[in-house]
């Protein structure tokens, strides 16, 4: 861990990263890519020492309330958050100033802040986004070793459901030759149906690799799945997008299941929902579950 003084905290689209780097150890993490210019070891978490002061100034100056997002680059609920508490401080400000929030995480540590999430949702709007990739628990522990397992994340989704907080699931990435099976996708979709998620974001059945995350991914494949790296190199070479050979069938399964059960599966519609303070789309979706 190390501290820096940040020049700003909110992006042009009102996203923020209170930390840079991560200790969750997901073997496929795109945030390790060199294009993001992280000038320190990925596990050496960068803490923006003045983040909360910058956030309060930014919120106070905004003329119109909007959704504030966090978690797109670094999971905000890394273990260090339980010591530093910047996410909770940020949520407290967001609630106090009447803004909405959407949080992307893989950690059940988010339940520490369920009181604030409920208050924000009552006053404005709160949506929690949870990544699910792997139905099988043992495989999940290999692919995402230092974070809540799929079953633990499913428990979070149900708790949020019962608290009236809408959720969105990211079905990504799906790793060729590892979790790109109908059984895996069906299992995850069954969890989403039971948790009554608003929508599922999926850009296709596959993954991306570029300089930085490719090297780490391959090193982990060598340790966990001997011979798998060579299979990837033979199938994909140095491609950026690695589509599963089963992608077409799995996407048909995904869309058909969502259509049948009333889960929103149009990415554009979901992103519009996540960025809008208006809850009207949420209510129309909830009515489907009540039929």
C-alpha atoms as a PDB file:
ATOM      1  CA  UNK A   1       0.000   0.000   0.000  1.00  0.00           C
ATOM      2  CA  UNK A   2       1.140   3.523  -0.741  1.00  0.00           C
ATOM      3  CA  UNK A   3      -0.484   6.973  -0.761  1.00  0.00           C
ATOM      4  CA  UNK A   4      -0.710   9.570  -3.526  1.00  0.00           C
ATOM      5  CA  UNK A   5      -2.261  13.010  -3.859  1.00  0.00           C
ATOM      6  CA  UNK A   6      -4.814  12.897  -6.666  1.00  0.00           C
ATOM      7  CA  UNK A   7      -5.617  15.873  -8.893  1.00  0.00           C
ATOM      8  CA  UNK A   8      -9.237  14.826  -9.346  1.00  0.00           C
ATOM      9  CA  UNK A   9     -11.610  12.014  -8.417  1.00  0.00           C
ATOM     10  CA  UNK A  10     -14.567  11.971 -10.843  1.00  0.00           C
ATOM     11  CA  UNK A  11     -14.222  11.159 -14.527  1.00  0.00           C
ATOM     12  CA  UNK A  12     -16.192  12.922 -17.249  1.00  0.00           C
ATOM     13  CA  UNK A  13     -18.837  10.199 -16.879  1.00  0.00           C
ATOM     14  CA  UNK A  14     -18.894  10.502 -13.060  1.00  0.00           C
ATOM     15  CA  UNK A  15     -16.923   7.359 -12.338  1.00  0.00           C
ATOM     16  CA  UNK A  16     -14.329   7.145  -9.599  1.00  0.00           C
ATOM     17  CA  UNK A  17     -11.634   4.782  -8.420  1.00  0.00           C
ATOM     18  CA  UNK A  18     -10.685   5.309  -4.805  1.00  0.00           C
ATOM     19  CA  UNK A  19      -7.897   2.741  -5.113  1.00  0.00           C
ATOM     20  CA  UNK A  20      -5.614   1.544  -7.925  1.00  0.00           C
ATOM     21  CA  UNK A  21      -4.440  -2.031  -7.941  1.00  0.00           C
ATOM     22  CA  UNK A  22      -6.092  -5.093  -6.472  1.00  0.00           C
ATOM     23  CA  UNK A  23      -5.345  -8.083  -4.257  1.00  0.00           C
ATOM     24  CA  UNK A  24      -8.176 -10.366  -5.432  1.00  0.00           C
ATOM     25  CA  UNK A  25      -5.850 -12.261  -7.764  1.00  0.00           C
ATOM     26  CA  UNK A  26      -8.308 -13.008 -10.594  1.00  0.00           C
ATOM     27  CA  UNK A  27      -6.168 -14.722 -13.214  1.00  0.00           C
ATOM     28  CA  UNK A  28      -7.775 -12.920 -16.184  1.00  0.00           C
ATOM     29  CA  UNK A  29      -7.836  -9.331 -14.866  1.00  0.00           C
ATOM     30  CA  UNK A  30      -7.705  -6.779 -17.703  1.00  0.00           C
ATOM     31  CA  UNK A  31      -6.723  -4.009 -15.275  1.00  0.00           C
ATOM     32  CA  UNK A  32      -3.198  -5.464 -15.287  1.00  0.00           C
ATOM     33  CA  UNK A  33      -2.825  -4.357 -18.930  1.00  0.00           C
ATOM     34  CA  UNK A  34       0.049  -1.974 -19.571  1.00  0.00           C
ATOM     35  CA  UNK A  35      -2.205   0.431 -21.463  1.00  0.00           C
ATOM     36  CA  UNK A  36      -3.544   1.673 -18.114  1.00  0.00           C
ATOM     37  CA  UNK A  37      -0.059   2.931 -17.169  1.00  0.00           C
ATOM     38  CA  UNK A  38      -0.025   1.645 -13.599  1.00  0.00           C
ATOM     39  CA  UNK A  39       3.455   2.538 -12.469  1.00  0.00           C
ATOM     40  CA  UNK A  40       3.552   0.258  -9.452  1.00  0.00           C
ATOM     41  CA  UNK A  41       3.112  -3.422  -8.640  1.00  0.00           C
ATOM     42  CA  UNK A  42      -0.520  -4.399  -9.129  1.00  0.00           C
ATOM     43  CA  UNK A  43      -0.845  -5.780  -5.598  1.00  0.00           C
ATOM     44  CA  UNK A  44       0.738  -2.638  -4.110  1.00  0.00           C
ATOM     45  CA  UNK A  45      -2.527  -0.760  -3.661  1.00  0.00           C
ATOM     46  CA  UNK A  46      -2.437   2.944  -4.454  1.00  0.00           C
ATOM     47  CA  UNK A  47      -4.624   4.944  -2.058  1.00  0.00           C
ATOM     48  CA  UNK A  48      -5.743   8.411  -3.098  1.00  0.00           C
ATOM     49  CA  UNK A  49      -5.134  10.213   0.154  1.00  0.00           C
ATOM     50  CA  UNK A  50      -7.302  13.230  -0.689  1.00  0.00           C
ATOM     51  CA  UNK A  51     -10.070  11.312  -2.482  1.00  0.00           C
ATOM     52  CA  UNK A  52     -12.856  12.071  -0.029  1.00  0.00           C
ATOM     53  CA  UNK A  53     -12.129  15.803   0.064  1.00  0.00           C
ATOM     54  CA  UNK A  54     -12.029  15.883  -3.736  1.00  0.00           C
ATOM     55  CA  UNK A  55     -15.329  14.009  -3.929  1.00  0.00           C
ATOM     56  CA  UNK A  56     -17.100  16.370  -1.564  1.00  0.00           C
ATOM     57  CA  UNK A  57     -15.916  19.370  -3.566  1.00  0.00           C
ATOM     58  CA  UNK A  58     -17.063  17.747  -6.813  1.00  0.00           C
ATOM     59  CA  UNK A  59     -20.497  16.828  -5.465  1.00  0.00           C
ATOM     60  CA  UNK A  60     -21.030  20.257  -3.947  1.00  0.00           C
ATOM     61  CA  UNK A  61     -20.247  21.958  -7.264  1.00  0.00           C
ATOM     62  CA  UNK A  62     -22.501  19.819  -9.451  1.00  0.00           C
ATOM     63  CA  UNK A  63     -25.587  21.632 -10.660  1.00  0.00           C
ATOM     64  CA  UNK A  64     -27.579  18.455 -11.254  1.00  0.00           C
ATOM     65  CA  UNK A  65     -27.700  15.234  -9.294  1.00  0.00           C
ATOM     66  CA  UNK A  66     -26.562  12.123 -11.157  1.00  0.00           C
ATOM     67  CA  UNK A  67     -25.363   8.572 -10.709  1.00  0.00           C
ATOM     68  CA  UNK A  68     -21.833   8.171  -9.306  1.00  0.00           C
ATOM     69  CA  UNK A  69     -20.081   4.947 -10.298  1.00  0.00           C
ATOM     70  CA  UNK A  70     -17.193   3.024  -8.793  1.00  0.00           C
ATOM     71  CA  UNK A  71     -15.472  -0.295  -9.402  1.00  0.00           C
ATOM     72  CA  UNK A  72     -14.805  -0.294 -13.139  1.00  0.00           C
ATOM     73  CA  UNK A  73     -11.013  -0.561 -12.786  1.00  0.00           C
ATOM     74  CA  UNK A  74     -10.456  -1.630  -9.193  1.00  0.00           C
ATOM     75  CA  UNK A  75     -12.912  -3.512  -7.015  1.00  0.00           C
ATOM     76  CA  UNK A  76     -13.711  -0.994  -4.268  1.00  0.00           C
ATOM     77  CA  UNK A  77     -14.181  -3.740  -1.675  1.00  0.00           C
ATOM     78  CA  UNK A  78     -10.629  -5.037  -1.550  1.00  0.00           C
ATOM     79  CA  UNK A  79      -9.549  -6.122   1.969  1.00  0.00           C
ATOM     80  CA  UNK A  80      -7.771  -2.780   2.501  1.00  0.00           C
ATOM     81  CA  UNK A  81     -11.137  -0.993   2.389  1.00  0.00           C
ATOM     82  CA  UNK A  82     -12.087  -2.569   5.714  1.00  0.00           C
ATOM     83  CA  UNK A  83      -9.086  -0.773   7.249  1.00  0.00           C
ATOM     84  CA  UNK A  84      -9.240   2.580   5.424  1.00  0.00           C
ATOM     85  CA  UNK A  85     -12.978   2.949   4.835  1.00  0.00           C
ATOM     86  CA  UNK A  86     -12.842   5.301   1.843  1.00  0.00           C
ATOM     87  CA  UNK A  87     -15.767   3.590   0.110  1.00  0.00           C
ATOM     88  CA  UNK A  88     -17.988   4.017   3.145  1.00  0.00           C
ATOM     89  CA  UNK A  89     -16.925   7.650   3.474  1.00  0.00           C
ATOM     90  CA  UNK A  90     -17.722   8.205  -0.205  1.00  0.00           C
ATOM     91  CA  UNK A  91     -21.138   6.560   0.121  1.00  0.00           C
ATOM     92  CA  UNK A  92     -21.864   8.755   3.133  1.00  0.00           C
ATOM     93  CA  UNK A  93     -21.176  11.863   1.033  1.00  0.00           C
ATOM     94  CA  UNK A  94     -23.207  10.557  -1.907  1.00  0.00           C
ATOM     95  CA  UNK A  95     -26.171   9.956   0.391  1.00  0.00           C
ATOM     96  CA  UNK A  96     -25.811  13.322   2.114  1.00  0.00           C
ATOM     97  CA  UNK A  97     -25.761  15.241  -1.189  1.00  0.00           C
ATOM     98  CA  UNK A  98     -28.644  13.251  -2.681  1.00  0.00           C
ATOM     99  CA  UNK A  99     -26.794  11.570  -5.536  1.00  0.00           C
ATOM    100  CA  UNK A 100     -27.318   8.052  -6.858  1.00  0.00           C
ATOM    101  CA  UNK A 101     -24.659   5.351  -6.929  1.00  0.00           C
ATOM    102  CA  UNK A 102     -23.746   2.176  -8.748  1.00  0.00           C
ATOM    103  CA  UNK A 103     -21.012  -0.110  -7.451  1.00  0.00           C
ATOM    104  CA  UNK A 104     -19.245  -2.971  -9.260  1.00  0.00           C
ATOM    105  CA  UNK A 105     -17.774  -5.654  -7.001  1.00  0.00           C
ATOM    106  CA  UNK A 106     -17.101  -9.352  -6.517  1.00  0.00           C
ATOM    107  CA  UNK A 107     -16.947  -9.112  -2.731  1.00  0.00           C
ATOM    108  CA  UNK A 108     -19.474  -9.777   0.017  1.00  0.00           C
ATOM    109  CA  UNK A 109     -17.780  -6.976   1.967  1.00  0.00           C
ATOM    110  CA  UNK A 110     -20.297  -4.686   0.295  1.00  0.00           C
ATOM    111  CA  UNK A 111     -22.870  -5.879   2.835  1.00  0.00           C
ATOM    112  CA  UNK A 112     -21.036  -3.854   5.479  1.00  0.00           C
ATOM    113  CA  UNK A 113     -22.535  -0.796   3.777  1.00  0.00           C
ATOM    114  CA  UNK A 114     -26.032  -2.075   3.103  1.00  0.00           C
ATOM    115  CA  UNK A 115     -27.467   0.556   5.446  1.00  0.00           C
ATOM    116  CA  UNK A 116     -26.044   3.369   3.298  1.00  0.00           C
ATOM    117  CA  UNK A 117     -26.996   1.642   0.054  1.00  0.00           C
ATOM    118  CA  UNK A 118     -30.589   1.431   1.241  1.00  0.00           C
ATOM    119  CA  UNK A 119     -30.628   5.089   2.262  1.00  0.00           C
ATOM    120  CA  UNK A 120     -29.253   6.131  -1.125  1.00  0.00           C
ATOM    121  CA  UNK A 121     -31.821   3.967  -2.910  1.00  0.00           C
ATOM    122  CA  UNK A 122     -34.641   5.484  -0.881  1.00  0.00           C
ATOM    123  CA  UNK A 123     -33.515   9.044  -1.536  1.00  0.00           C
ATOM    124  CA  UNK A 124     -32.211   8.671  -5.113  1.00  0.00           C
ATOM    125  CA  UNK A 125     -31.117   5.392  -6.714  1.00  0.00           C
ATOM    126  CA  UNK A 126     -28.639   2.609  -5.951  1.00  0.00           C
ATOM    127  CA  UNK A 127     -27.695  -0.315  -8.209  1.00  0.00           C
ATOM    128  CA  UNK A 128     -25.141  -2.964  -7.256  1.00  0.00           C
ATOM    129  CA  UNK A 129     -23.318  -4.719 -10.083  1.00  0.00           C
ATOM    130  CA  UNK A 130     -21.871  -8.143  -9.317  1.00  0.00           C
ATOM    131  CA  UNK A 131     -19.567 -10.142 -11.591  1.00  0.00           C
ATOM    132  CA  UNK A 132     -20.307 -13.866 -11.939  1.00  0.00           C
ATOM    133  CA  UNK A 133     -18.138 -16.066 -14.134  1.00  0.00           C
ATOM    134  CA  UNK A 134     -18.002 -19.597 -12.779  1.00  0.00           C
ATOM    135  CA  UNK A 135     -20.775 -21.751 -11.318  1.00  0.00           C
ATOM    136  CA  UNK A 136     -18.436 -24.501 -10.079  1.00  0.00           C
ATOM    137  CA  UNK A 137     -17.015 -23.435  -6.714  1.00  0.00           C
ATOM    138  CA  UNK A 138     -13.689 -25.248  -6.991  1.00  0.00           C
ATOM    139  CA  UNK A 139     -12.988 -23.818 -10.432  1.00  0.00           C
ATOM    140  CA  UNK A 140     -14.073 -20.385  -9.183  1.00  0.00           C
ATOM    141  CA  UNK A 141     -11.476 -20.566  -6.409  1.00  0.00           C
ATOM    142  CA  UNK A 142      -8.772 -21.164  -9.013  1.00  0.00           C
ATOM    143  CA  UNK A 143      -9.846 -18.411 -11.385  1.00  0.00           C
ATOM    144  CA  UNK A 144     -10.720 -15.842  -8.678  1.00  0.00           C
ATOM    145  CA  UNK A 145      -8.694 -16.997  -5.655  1.00  0.00           C
ATOM    146  CA  UNK A 146      -8.832 -14.136  -3.139  1.00  0.00           C
ATOM    147  CA  UNK A 147     -12.411 -12.954  -3.438  1.00  0.00           C
ATOM    148  CA  UNK A 148     -15.898 -14.149  -2.500  1.00  0.00           C
ATOM    149  CA  UNK A 149     -16.894 -17.339  -4.289  1.00  0.00           C
ATOM    150  CA  UNK A 150     -19.860 -17.498  -6.628  1.00  0.00           C
ATOM    151  CA  UNK A 151     -22.093 -18.887  -3.866  1.00  0.00           C
ATOM    152  CA  UNK A 152     -21.067 -16.070  -1.543  1.00  0.00           C
ATOM    153  CA  UNK A 153     -21.806 -13.490  -4.248  1.00  0.00           C
ATOM    154  CA  UNK A 154     -25.168 -15.170  -4.875  1.00  0.00           C
ATOM    155  CA  UNK A 155     -25.956 -14.759  -1.182  1.00  0.00           C
ATOM    156  CA  UNK A 156     -25.161 -11.042  -1.548  1.00  0.00           C
ATOM    157  CA  UNK A 157     -27.511 -10.744  -4.522  1.00  0.00           C
ATOM    158  CA  UNK A 158     -30.333 -12.329  -2.513  1.00  0.00           C
ATOM    159  CA  UNK A 159     -29.679 -10.067   0.464  1.00  0.00           C
ATOM    160  CA  UNK A 160     -29.789  -7.011  -1.787  1.00  0.00           C
ATOM    161  CA  UNK A 161     -32.963  -8.316  -3.414  1.00  0.00           C
ATOM    162  CA  UNK A 162     -34.612  -8.629  -0.019  1.00  0.00           C
ATOM    163  CA  UNK A 163     -33.431  -5.110   0.862  1.00  0.00           C
ATOM    164  CA  UNK A 164     -35.065  -3.687  -2.274  1.00  0.00           C
ATOM    165  CA  UNK A 165     -31.761  -2.763  -3.944  1.00  0.00           C
ATOM    166  CA  UNK A 166     -31.685  -3.600  -7.672  1.00  0.00           C
ATOM    167  CA  UNK A 167     -28.783  -5.613  -9.050  1.00  0.00           C
ATOM    168  CA  UNK A 168     -27.077  -6.183 -12.376  1.00  0.00           C
ATOM    169  CA  UNK A 169     -24.764  -9.117 -13.138  1.00  0.00           C
ATOM    170  CA  UNK A 170     -21.728  -9.047 -15.424  1.00  0.00           C
ATOM    171  CA  UNK A 171     -21.421 -12.424 -17.148  1.00  0.00           C
ATOM    172  CA  UNK A 172     -17.789 -11.925 -18.052  1.00  0.00           C
ATOM    173  CA  UNK A 173     -15.253 -13.168 -18.828  1.00  0.00           C
ATOM    174  CA  UNK A 174     -16.021 -16.672 -20.057  1.00  0.00           C
ATOM    175  CA  UNK A 175     -12.667 -18.386 -20.541  1.00  0.00           C
ATOM    176  CA  UNK A 176     -12.294 -20.688 -23.556  1.00  0.00           C
ATOM    177  CA  UNK A 177     -11.746 -24.335 -22.628  1.00  0.00           C
ATOM    178  CA  UNK A 178     -12.273 -23.591 -18.908  1.00  0.00           C
ATOM    179  CA  UNK A 179     -15.777 -22.308 -18.118  1.00  0.00           C
ATOM    180  CA  UNK A 180     -17.329 -21.976 -21.580  1.00  0.00           C
ATOM    181  CA  UNK A 181     -19.911 -24.724 -21.138  1.00  0.00           C
ATOM    182  CA  UNK A 182     -23.698 -24.829 -21.217  1.00  0.00           C
ATOM    183  CA  UNK A 183     -23.641 -26.211 -17.689  1.00  0.00           C
ATOM    184  CA  UNK A 184     -21.706 -23.191 -16.422  1.00  0.00           C
ATOM    185  CA  UNK A 185     -23.870 -20.617 -18.174  1.00  0.00           C
ATOM    186  CA  UNK A 186     -27.115 -22.339 -17.171  1.00  0.00           C
ATOM    187  CA  UNK A 187     -25.958 -22.563 -13.566  1.00  0.00           C
ATOM    188  CA  UNK A 188     -25.135 -18.856 -13.379  1.00  0.00           C
ATOM    189  CA  UNK A 189     -28.409 -17.924 -15.072  1.00  0.00           C
ATOM    190  CA  UNK A 190     -30.350 -20.015 -12.560  1.00  0.00           C
ATOM    191  CA  UNK A 191     -28.719 -18.030  -9.740  1.00  0.00           C
ATOM    192  CA  UNK A 192     -29.616 -14.759 -11.460  1.00  0.00           C
ATOM    193  CA  UNK A 193     -33.220 -15.855 -11.875  1.00  0.00           C
ATOM    194  CA  UNK A 194     -33.530 -16.777  -8.208  1.00  0.00           C
ATOM    195  CA  UNK A 195     -31.876 -13.512  -7.134  1.00  0.00           C
ATOM    196  CA  UNK A 196     -34.253 -11.562  -9.403  1.00  0.00           C
ATOM    197  CA  UNK A 197     -31.512  -9.459 -10.929  1.00  0.00           C
ATOM    198  CA  UNK A 198     -32.615  -6.530 -13.097  1.00  0.00           C
ATOM    199  CA  UNK A 199     -30.306  -7.379 -15.975  1.00  0.00           C
ATOM    200  CA  UNK A 200     -27.223  -9.267 -17.152  1.00  0.00           C
ATOM    201  CA  UNK A 201     -24.440  -7.598 -19.136  1.00  0.00           C
ATOM    202  CA  UNK A 202     -22.735  -9.917 -21.609  1.00  0.00           C
ATOM    203  CA  UNK A 203     -20.598  -8.871 -24.571  1.00  0.00           C
ATOM    204  CA  UNK A 204     -20.074 -12.417 -25.815  1.00  0.00           C
ATOM    205  CA  UNK A 205     -18.673 -15.701 -24.611  1.00  0.00           C
ATOM    206  CA  UNK A 206     -14.945 -15.211 -24.432  1.00  0.00           C
ATOM    207  CA  UNK A 207     -12.259 -12.965 -22.991  1.00  0.00           C
ATOM    208  CA  UNK A 208      -9.651 -10.385 -23.947  1.00  0.00           C
ATOM    209  CA  UNK A 209      -5.878 -10.493 -23.567  1.00  0.00           C
ATOM    210  CA  UNK A 210      -3.352  -7.739 -24.123  1.00  0.00           C
ATOM    211  CA  UNK A 211       0.143  -6.873 -22.963  1.00  0.00           C
ATOM    212  CA  UNK A 212       0.350  -7.086 -19.203  1.00  0.00           C
ATOM    213  CA  UNK A 213      -2.650  -9.249 -18.441  1.00  0.00           C
ATOM    214  CA  UNK A 214      -1.678 -11.863 -21.083  1.00  0.00           C
ATOM    215  CA  UNK A 215       1.627 -12.607 -19.359  1.00  0.00           C
ATOM    216  CA  UNK A 216       0.011 -12.911 -15.946  1.00  0.00           C
ATOM    217  CA  UNK A 217      -2.827 -15.066 -17.302  1.00  0.00           C
ATOM    218  CA  UNK A 218      -0.433 -17.457 -19.009  1.00  0.00           C
ATOM    219  CA  UNK A 219       1.755 -17.751 -15.919  1.00  0.00           C
ATOM    220  CA  UNK A 220      -1.292 -18.695 -13.861  1.00  0.00           C
ATOM    221  CA  UNK A 221      -2.415 -21.203 -16.508  1.00  0.00           C
ATOM    222  CA  UNK A 222       0.985 -22.885 -16.266  1.00  0.00           C
ATOM    223  CA  UNK A 223       0.551 -23.246 -12.510  1.00  0.00           C
ATOM    224  CA  UNK A 224      -3.108 -24.244 -12.418  1.00  0.00           C
ATOM    225  CA  UNK A 225      -3.810 -25.958 -15.749  1.00  0.00           C
ATOM    226  CA  UNK A 226      -0.588 -27.407 -17.222  1.00  0.00           C
ATOM    227  CA  UNK A 227      -0.701 -27.492 -21.012  1.00  0.00           C
ATOM    228  CA  UNK A 228      -3.577 -25.003 -21.273  1.00  0.00           C
ATOM    229  CA  UNK A 229      -1.338 -22.066 -22.216  1.00  0.00           C
ATOM    230  CA  UNK A 230      -0.123 -23.952 -25.276  1.00  0.00           C
ATOM    231  CA  UNK A 231      -3.727 -24.669 -26.252  1.00  0.00           C
ATOM    232  CA  UNK A 232      -4.510 -20.946 -26.070  1.00  0.00           C
ATOM    233  CA  UNK A 233      -1.454 -19.973 -28.110  1.00  0.00           C
ATOM    234  CA  UNK A 234      -2.281 -22.559 -30.770  1.00  0.00           C
ATOM    235  CA  UNK A 235      -5.926 -21.455 -30.983  1.00  0.00           C
ATOM    236  CA  UNK A 236      -5.531 -17.679 -30.709  1.00  0.00           C
ATOM    237  CA  UNK A 237      -1.921 -16.599 -31.162  1.00  0.00           C
ATOM    238  CA  UNK A 238      -1.663 -12.973 -29.984  1.00  0.00           C
ATOM    239  CA  UNK A 239      -5.303 -12.046 -30.612  1.00  0.00           C
ATOM    240  CA  UNK A 240      -6.907  -9.429 -28.387  1.00  0.00           C
ATOM    241  CA  UNK A 241     -10.402 -10.952 -28.469  1.00  0.00           C
ATOM    242  CA  UNK A 242     -10.579 -14.669 -27.710  1.00  0.00           C
ATOM    243  CA  UNK A 243     -14.036 -15.942 -28.579  1.00  0.00           C
ATOM    244  CA  UNK A 244     -15.066 -19.310 -27.196  1.00  0.00           C
ATOM    245  CA  UNK A 245     -15.594 -22.001 -29.855  1.00  0.00           C
ATOM    246  CA  UNK A 246     -18.982 -22.461 -28.158  1.00  0.00           C
ATOM    247  CA  UNK A 247     -19.879 -18.762 -28.270  1.00  0.00           C
ATOM    248  CA  UNK A 248     -22.805 -18.942 -30.700  1.00  0.00           C
ATOM    249  CA  UNK A 249     -24.580 -21.742 -28.830  1.00  0.00           C
ATOM    250  CA  UNK A 250     -23.933 -20.175 -25.436  1.00  0.00           C
ATOM    251  CA  UNK A 251     -25.201 -16.760 -26.551  1.00  0.00           C
ATOM    252  CA  UNK A 252     -28.397 -18.365 -27.838  1.00  0.00           C
ATOM    253  CA  UNK A 253     -28.824 -20.061 -24.467  1.00  0.00           C
ATOM    254  CA  UNK A 254     -28.161 -16.785 -22.660  1.00  0.00           C
ATOM    255  CA  UNK A 255     -30.585 -14.657 -24.655  1.00  0.00           C
ATOM    256  CA  UNK A 256     -33.336 -17.298 -24.701  1.00  0.00           C
ATOM    257  CA  UNK A 257     -33.171 -17.794 -20.936  1.00  0.00           C
ATOM    258  CA  UNK A 258     -33.222 -14.068 -20.212  1.00  0.00           C
ATOM    259  CA  UNK A 259     -36.092 -13.509 -22.632  1.00  0.00           C
ATOM    260  CA  UNK A 260     -38.125 -16.293 -21.052  1.00  0.00           C
ATOM    261  CA  UNK A 261     -37.571 -15.097 -17.486  1.00  0.00           C
ATOM    262  CA  UNK A 262     -37.845 -11.333 -17.954  1.00  0.00           C
ATOM    263  CA  UNK A 263     -34.209 -10.454 -17.243  1.00  0.00           C
ATOM    264  CA  UNK A 264     -33.019  -7.457 -19.268  1.00  0.00           C
ATOM    265  CA  UNK A 265     -30.220  -8.610 -21.606  1.00  0.00           C
ATOM    266  CA  UNK A 266     -29.808  -5.653 -23.926  1.00  0.00           C
ATOM    267  CA  UNK A 267     -26.488  -4.074 -22.935  1.00  0.00           C
ATOM    268  CA  UNK A 268     -27.443  -0.611 -24.188  1.00  0.00           C
ATOM    269  CA  UNK A 269     -30.646  -0.615 -22.173  1.00  0.00           C
ATOM    270  CA  UNK A 270     -28.823  -1.733 -19.042  1.00  0.00           C
ATOM    271  CA  UNK A 271     -26.157   0.960 -19.353  1.00  0.00           C
ATOM    272  CA  UNK A 272     -28.847   3.550 -19.894  1.00  0.00           C
ATOM    273  CA  UNK A 273     -30.561   2.311 -16.741  1.00  0.00           C
ATOM    274  CA  UNK A 274     -27.312   2.435 -14.761  1.00  0.00           C
ATOM    275  CA  UNK A 275     -26.626   6.027 -15.777  1.00  0.00           C
ATOM    276  CA  UNK A 276     -30.142   7.372 -15.198  1.00  0.00           C
ATOM    277  CA  UNK A 277     -31.414   8.668 -11.867  1.00  0.00           C
ATOM    278  CA  UNK A 278     -34.942   7.790 -12.994  1.00  0.00           C
ATOM    279  CA  UNK A 279     -36.248   4.527 -11.511  1.00  0.00           C
ATOM    280  CA  UNK A 280     -39.113   4.040 -13.967  1.00  0.00           C
ATOM    281  CA  UNK A 281     -37.395   1.264 -15.919  1.00  0.00           C
ATOM    282  CA  UNK A 282     -36.668  -0.535 -12.679  1.00  0.00           C
ATOM    283  CA  UNK A 283     -40.302  -0.488 -11.666  1.00  0.00           C
ATOM    284  CA  UNK A 284     -41.484  -1.806 -15.031  1.00  0.00           C
ATOM    285  CA  UNK A 285     -38.981  -4.647 -14.701  1.00  0.00           C
ATOM    286  CA  UNK A 286     -40.023  -5.461 -11.155  1.00  0.00           C
ATOM    287  CA  UNK A 287     -43.621  -5.796 -12.303  1.00  0.00           C
ATOM    288  CA  UNK A 288     -42.536  -8.674 -14.536  1.00  0.00           C
ATOM    289  CA  UNK A 289     -41.337 -10.592 -11.496  1.00  0.00           C
ATOM    290  CA  UNK A 290     -44.665 -10.037  -9.776  1.00  0.00           C
ATOM    291  CA  UNK A 291     -46.673 -11.694 -12.542  1.00  0.00           C
END
